[in-house]
PDB file of N, CA and C in Angstrom:
ATOM      1  N   MET A   1       0.819  -1.198   0.000  1.00  0.00           N
ATOM      2  CA  MET A   1       0.000   0.000   0.000  1.00  0.00           C
ATOM      3  C   MET A   1       0.863   1.262   0.000  1.00  0.00           C
ATOM      4  N   GLY A   2       2.048   1.166   0.527  1.00  0.00           N
ATOM      5  CA  GLY A   2       2.918   2.328   0.566  1.00  0.00           C
ATOM      6  C   GLY A   2       3.249   2.860  -0.817  1.00  0.00           C
ATOM      7  N   PHE A   3       3.257   1.970  -1.810  1.00  0.00           N
ATOM      8  CA  PHE A   3       3.514   2.404  -3.177  1.00  0.00           C
ATOM      9  C   PHE A   3       2.459   3.406  -3.636  1.00  0.00           C
ATOM     10  N   TRP A   4       1.200   3.126  -3.346  1.00  0.00           N
ATOM     11  CA  TRP A   4       0.122   4.006  -3.791  1.00  0.00           C
ATOM     12  C   TRP A   4       0.144   5.336  -3.043  1.00  0.00           C
ATOM     13  N   TYR A   5       0.524   5.303  -1.766  1.00  0.00           N
ATOM     14  CA  TYR A   5       0.627   6.550  -1.010  1.00  0.00           C
ATOM     15  C   TYR A   5       1.764   7.406  -1.553  1.00  0.00           C
ATOM     16  N   MET A   6       2.884   6.770  -1.892  1.00  0.00           N
ATOM     17  CA  MET A   6       4.011   7.506  -2.468  1.00  0.00           C
ATOM     18  C   MET A   6       3.652   8.050  -3.852  1.00  0.00           C
ATOM     19  N   LEU A   7       2.921   7.270  -4.630  1.00  0.00           N
ATOM     20  CA  LEU A   7       2.483   7.739  -5.937  1.00  0.00           C
ATOM     21  C   LEU A   7       1.554   8.945  -5.794  1.00  0.00           C
ATOM     22  N   GLY A   8       0.634   8.888  -4.845  1.00  0.00           N
ATOM     23  CA  GLY A   8      -0.246  10.028  -4.589  1.00  0.00           C
ATOM     24  C   GLY A   8       0.521  11.252  -4.144  1.00  0.00           C
ATOM     25  N   LEU A   9       1.546  11.044  -3.326  1.00  0.00           N
ATOM     26  CA  LEU A   9       2.371  12.150  -2.869  1.00  0.00           C
ATOM     27  C   LEU A   9       3.107  12.796  -4.040  1.00  0.00           C
ATOM     28  N   LEU A  10       3.670  11.984  -4.915  1.00  0.00           N
ATOM     29  CA  LEU A  10       4.394  12.523  -6.067  1.00  0.00           C
ATOM     30  C   LEU A  10       3.457  13.236  -7.041  1.00  0.00           C
ATOM     31  N   ILE A  11       2.263  12.690  -7.246  1.00  0.00           N
ATOM     32  CA  ILE A  11       1.295  13.360  -8.118  1.00  0.00           C
ATOM     33  C   ILE A  11       0.858  14.682  -7.500  1.00  0.00           C
ATOM     34  N   GLY A  12       0.665  14.704  -6.183  1.00  0.00           N
ATOM     35  CA  GLY A  12       0.294  15.943  -5.501  1.00  0.00           C
ATOM     36  C   GLY A  12       1.366  17.006  -5.625  1.00  0.00           C
ATOM     37  N   ILE A  13       2.632  16.610  -5.497  1.00  0.00           N
ATOM     38  CA  ILE A  13       3.728  17.560  -5.661  1.00  0.00           C
ATOM     39  C   ILE A  13       3.767  18.063  -7.102  1.00  0.00           C
ATOM     40  N   GLY A  14       3.535  17.152  -8.043  1.00  0.00           N
ATOM     41  CA  GLY A  14       3.491  17.557  -9.446  1.00  0.00           C
ATOM     42  C   GLY A  14       2.370  18.550  -9.724  1.00  0.00           C
ATOM     43  N   LEU A  15       1.205  18.314  -9.120  1.00  0.00           N
ATOM     44  CA  LEU A  15       0.090  19.247  -9.304  1.00  0.00           C
ATOM     45  C   LEU A  15       0.401  20.609  -8.700  1.00  0.00           C
ATOM     46  N   LEU A  16       1.052  20.612  -7.536  1.00  0.00           N
ATOM     47  CA  LEU A  16       1.422  21.896  -6.941  1.00  0.00           C
ATOM     48  C   LEU A  16       2.398  22.651  -7.831  1.00  0.00           C
ATOM     49  N   LEU A  17       3.392  21.955  -8.341  1.00  0.00           N
ATOM     50  CA  LEU A  17       4.360  22.610  -9.219  1.00  0.00           C
ATOM     51  C   LEU A  17       3.690  23.102 -10.503  1.00  0.00           C
ATOM     52  N   TYR A  18       2.793  22.299 -11.057  1.00  0.00           N
ATOM     53  CA  TYR A  18       2.065  22.704 -12.259  1.00  0.00           C
ATOM     54  C   TYR A  18       1.215  23.944 -11.978  1.00  0.00           C
ATOM     55  N   GLY A  19       0.554  23.972 -10.841  1.00  0.00           N
ATOM     56  CA  GLY A  19      -0.278  25.122 -10.491  1.00  0.00           C
ATOM     57  C   GLY A  19       0.539  26.379 -10.266  1.00  0.00           C
ATOM     58  N   ILE A  20       1.708  26.233  -9.699  1.00  0.00           N
ATOM     59  CA  ILE A  20       2.569  27.390  -9.463  1.00  0.00           C
ATOM     60  C   ILE A  20       3.149  27.907 -10.776  1.00  0.00           C
ATOM     61  N   MET A  21       3.490  27.001 -11.679  1.00  0.00           N
ATOM     62  CA  MET A  21       4.151  27.381 -12.925  1.00  0.00           C
ATOM     63  C   MET A  21       3.183  27.881 -14.001  1.00  0.00           C
ATOM     64  N   GLN A  22       1.878  27.752 -13.785  1.00  0.00           N
ATOM     65  CA  GLN A  22       0.918  28.197 -14.790  1.00  0.00           C
ATOM     66  C   GLN A  22       1.036  29.696 -15.002  1.00  0.00           C
ATOM     67  N   SER A  23       0.864  30.104 -16.232  1.00  0.00           N
ATOM     68  CA  SER A  23       0.934  31.532 -16.527  1.00  0.00           C
ATOM     69  C   SER A  23      -0.308  32.237 -15.988  1.00  0.00           C
ATOM     70  N   SER A  24      -0.201  33.512 -15.847  1.00  0.00           N
ATOM     71  CA  SER A  24      -1.326  34.286 -15.315  1.00  0.00           C
ATOM     72  C   SER A  24      -2.445  34.436 -16.345  1.00  0.00           C
ATOM     73  N   LYS A  25      -2.227  34.008 -17.593  1.00  0.00           N
ATOM     74  CA  LYS A  25      -3.264  34.104 -18.616  1.00  0.00           C
ATOM     75  C   LYS A  25      -4.335  33.030 -18.461  1.00  0.00           C
ATOM     76  N   LYS A  26      -4.034  31.982 -17.705  1.00  0.00           N
ATOM     77  CA  LYS A  26      -5.035  30.939 -17.453  1.00  0.00           C
ATOM     78  C   LYS A  26      -6.084  31.487 -16.495  1.00  0.00           C
ATOM     79  N   THR A  27      -7.216  30.838 -16.449  1.00  0.00           N
ATOM     80  CA  THR A  27      -8.253  31.286 -15.538  1.00  0.00           C
ATOM     81  C   THR A  27      -7.823  31.041 -14.097  1.00  0.00           C
ATOM     82  N   PRO A  28      -8.088  31.969 -13.206  1.00  0.00           N
ATOM     83  CA  PRO A  28      -7.670  31.785 -11.817  1.00  0.00           C
ATOM     84  C   PRO A  28      -8.368  30.606 -11.139  1.00  0.00           C
ATOM     85  N   PHE A  29      -9.598  30.279 -11.574  1.00  0.00           N
ATOM     86  CA  PHE A  29     -10.304  29.149 -10.969  1.00  0.00           C
ATOM     87  C   PHE A  29      -9.557  27.855 -11.228  1.00  0.00           C
ATOM     88  N   ARG A  30      -9.044  27.690 -12.436  1.00  0.00           N
ATOM     89  CA  ARG A  30      -8.300  26.471 -12.768  1.00  0.00           C
ATOM     90  C   ARG A  30      -7.017  26.380 -11.953  1.00  0.00           C
ATOM     91  N   LYS A  31      -6.320  27.493 -11.819  1.00  0.00           N
ATOM     92  CA  LYS A  31      -5.074  27.501 -11.049  1.00  0.00           C
ATOM     93  C   LYS A  31      -5.345  27.168  -9.586  1.00  0.00           C
ATOM     94  N   ILE A  32      -6.378  27.753  -9.020  1.00  0.00           N
ATOM     95  CA  ILE A  32      -6.708  27.494  -7.617  1.00  0.00           C
ATOM     96  C   ILE A  32      -7.160  26.053  -7.430  1.00  0.00           C
ATOM     97  N   SER A  33      -7.928  25.524  -8.375  1.00  0.00           N
ATOM     98  CA  SER A  33      -8.410  24.156  -8.240  1.00  0.00           C
ATOM     99  C   SER A  33      -7.259  23.149  -8.346  1.00  0.00           C
ATOM    100  N   VAL A  34      -6.283  23.421  -9.205  1.00  0.00           N
ATOM    101  CA  VAL A  34      -5.119  22.538  -9.307  1.00  0.00           C
ATOM    102  C   VAL A  34      -4.306  22.595  -8.025  1.00  0.00           C
ATOM    103  N   LEU A  35      -4.121  23.792  -7.477  1.00  0.00           N
ATOM    104  CA  LEU A  35      -3.380  23.923  -6.218  1.00  0.00           C
ATOM    105  C   LEU A  35      -4.102  23.230  -5.064  1.00  0.00           C
ATOM    106  N   MET A  36      -5.419  23.371  -5.025  1.00  0.00           N
ATOM    107  CA  MET A  36      -6.194  22.710  -3.961  1.00  0.00           C
ATOM    108  C   MET A  36      -6.119  21.203  -4.086  1.00  0.00           C
ATOM    109  N   ALA A  37      -6.246  20.677  -5.308  1.00  0.00           N
ATOM    110  CA  ALA A  37      -6.179  19.233  -5.513  1.00  0.00           C
ATOM    111  C   ALA A  37      -4.816  18.696  -5.100  1.00  0.00           C
ATOM    112  N   GLY A  38      -3.760  19.404  -5.446  1.00  0.00           N
ATOM    113  CA  GLY A  38      -2.421  18.990  -5.050  1.00  0.00           C
ATOM    114  C   GLY A  38      -2.226  18.998  -3.549  1.00  0.00           C
ATOM    115  N   THR A  39      -2.734  20.034  -2.892  1.00  0.00           N
ATOM    116  CA  THR A  39      -2.608  20.139  -1.444  1.00  0.00           C
ATOM    117  C   THR A  39      -3.386  19.029  -0.746  1.00  0.00           C
ATOM    118  N   ILE A  40      -4.592  18.758  -1.205  1.00  0.00           N
ATOM    119  CA  ILE A  40      -5.406  17.695  -0.602  1.00  0.00           C
ATOM    120  C   ILE A  40      -4.756  16.335  -0.796  1.00  0.00           C
ATOM    121  N   LEU A  41      -4.239  16.091  -1.987  1.00  0.00           N
ATOM    122  CA  LEU A  41      -3.588  14.805  -2.273  1.00  0.00           C
ATOM    123  C   LEU A  41      -2.337  14.613  -1.425  1.00  0.00           C
ATOM    124  N   ILE A  42      -1.565  15.658  -1.240  1.00  0.00           N
ATOM    125  CA  ILE A  42      -0.376  15.579  -0.390  1.00  0.00           C
ATOM    126  C   ILE A  42      -0.782  15.342   1.055  1.00  0.00           C
ATOM    127  N   GLY A  43      -1.805  16.029   1.523  1.00  0.00           N
ATOM    128  CA  GLY A  43      -2.254  15.856   2.898  1.00  0.00           C
ATOM    129  C   GLY A  43      -2.750  14.449   3.179  1.00  0.00           C
ATOM    130  N   ILE A  44      -3.537  13.902   2.271  1.00  0.00           N
ATOM    131  CA  ILE A  44      -4.042  12.535   2.455  1.00  0.00           C
ATOM    132  C   ILE A  44      -2.902  11.536   2.425  1.00  0.00           C
ATOM    133  N   SER A  45      -1.962  11.732   1.495  1.00  0.00           N
ATOM    134  CA  SER A  45      -0.834  10.801   1.397  1.00  0.00           C
ATOM    135  C   SER A  45       0.028  10.833   2.657  1.00  0.00           C
ATOM    136  N   LEU A  46       0.314  12.027   3.145  1.00  0.00           N
ATOM    137  CA  LEU A  46       1.129  12.124   4.363  1.00  0.00           C
ATOM    138  C   LEU A  46       0.395  11.544   5.564  1.00  0.00           C
ATOM    139  N   TYR A  47      -0.923  11.747   5.622  1.00  0.00           N
ATOM    140  CA  TYR A  47      -1.679  11.162   6.727  1.00  0.00           C
ATOM    141  C   TYR A  47      -1.665   9.636   6.660  1.00  0.00           C
ATOM    142  N   MET A  48      -1.776   9.089   5.476  1.00  0.00           N
ATOM    143  CA  MET A  48      -1.811   7.635   5.343  1.00  0.00           C
ATOM    144  C   MET A  48      -0.466   6.987   5.677  1.00  0.00           C
ATOM    145  N   PHE A  49       0.613   7.748   5.682  1.00  0.00           N
ATOM    146  CA  PHE A  49       1.909   7.220   6.087  1.00  0.00           C
ATOM    147  C   PHE A  49       2.045   7.116   7.614  1.00  0.00           C
ATOM    148  N   THR A  50       1.145   7.743   8.381  1.00  0.00           N
ATOM    149  CA  THR A  50       1.240   7.674   9.840  1.00  0.00           C
ATOM    150  C   THR A  50       0.831   6.289  10.323  1.00  0.00           C
ATOM    151  N   PRO A  51       1.335   5.874  11.486  1.00  0.00           N
ATOM    152  CA  PRO A  51       1.106   4.498  11.951  1.00  0.00           C
ATOM    153  C   PRO A  51      -0.357   4.116  12.215  1.00  0.00           C
ATOM    154  N   ASP A  52      -1.160   5.012  12.756  1.00  0.00           N
ATOM    155  CA  ASP A  52      -2.531   4.648  13.146  1.00  0.00           C
ATOM    156  C   ASP A  52      -3.576   5.005  12.101  1.00  0.00           C
ATOM    157  N   SER A  53      -3.173   5.295  10.887  1.00  0.00           N
ATOM    158  CA  SER A  53      -4.143   5.699   9.874  1.00  0.00           C
ATOM    159  C   SER A  53      -5.043   4.539   9.458  1.00  0.00           C
ATOM    160  N   ALA A  54      -4.555   3.313   9.504  1.00  0.00           N
ATOM    161  CA  ALA A  54      -5.371   2.161   9.116  1.00  0.00           C
ATOM    162  C   ALA A  54      -6.559   1.993  10.068  1.00  0.00           C
ATOM    163  N   ASP A  55      -6.349   2.224  11.364  1.00  0.00           N
ATOM    164  CA  ASP A  55      -7.447   2.143  12.324  1.00  0.00           C
ATOM    165  C   ASP A  55      -8.510   3.207  12.071  1.00  0.00           C
ATOM    166  N   THR A  56      -8.059   4.398  11.754  1.00  0.00           N
ATOM    167  CA  THR A  56      -9.003   5.482  11.485  1.00  0.00           C
ATOM    168  C   THR A  56      -9.826   5.204  10.236  1.00  0.00           C
ATOM    169  N   VAL A  57      -9.188   4.713   9.196  1.00  0.00           N
ATOM    170  CA  VAL A  57      -9.900   4.418   7.949  1.00  0.00           C
ATOM    171  C   VAL A  57     -10.870   3.273   8.148  1.00  0.00           C
ATOM    172  N   SER A  58     -10.480   2.252   8.900  1.00  0.00           N
ATOM    173  CA  SER A  58     -11.399   1.144   9.135  1.00  0.00           C
ATOM    174  C   SER A  58     -12.591   1.567   9.983  1.00  0.00           C
ATOM    175  N   THR A  59     -12.389   2.479  10.928  1.00  0.00           N
ATOM    176  CA  THR A  59     -13.501   3.010  11.697  1.00  0.00           C
ATOM    177  C   THR A  59     -14.414   3.859  10.822  1.00  0.00           C
ATOM    178  N   LEU A  60     -13.817   4.625   9.927  1.00  0.00           N
ATOM    179  CA  LEU A  60     -14.583   5.510   9.054  1.00  0.00           C
ATOM    180  C   LEU A  60     -15.496   4.717   8.124  1.00  0.00           C
ATOM    181  N   PHE A  61     -15.004   3.593   7.610  1.00  0.00           N
ATOM    182  CA  PHE A  61     -15.784   2.783   6.672  1.00  0.00           C
ATOM    183  C   PHE A  61     -16.461   1.593   7.350  1.00  0.00           C
ATOM    184  N   ASN A  62     -16.447   1.557   8.661  1.00  0.00           N
ATOM    185  CA  ASN A  62     -17.084   0.480   9.447  1.00  0.00           C
ATOM    186  C   ASN A  62     -16.621  -0.903   9.038  1.00  0.00           C
ATOM    187  N   LEU A  63     -15.339  -1.066   8.909  1.00  0.00           N
ATOM    188  CA  LEU A  63     -14.780  -2.382   8.532  1.00  0.00           C
ATOM    189  C   LEU A  63     -14.353  -3.154   9.759  1.00  0.00           C
TER     190      LEU A  63
END
């Protein structure tokens, strides 16, 4: 499972870099949405790397 968390982390970093590097001629909504998606993906990936995240997810989905 760590592979998928690392992949999500790398995609999130890529989205952040893409959002930062976008020119100002693009619509601001698209730039903000890309930055938000990258931030959320990085946050979820970093949280899933913590030791007790499996317990929280199983409680959340009633497993």
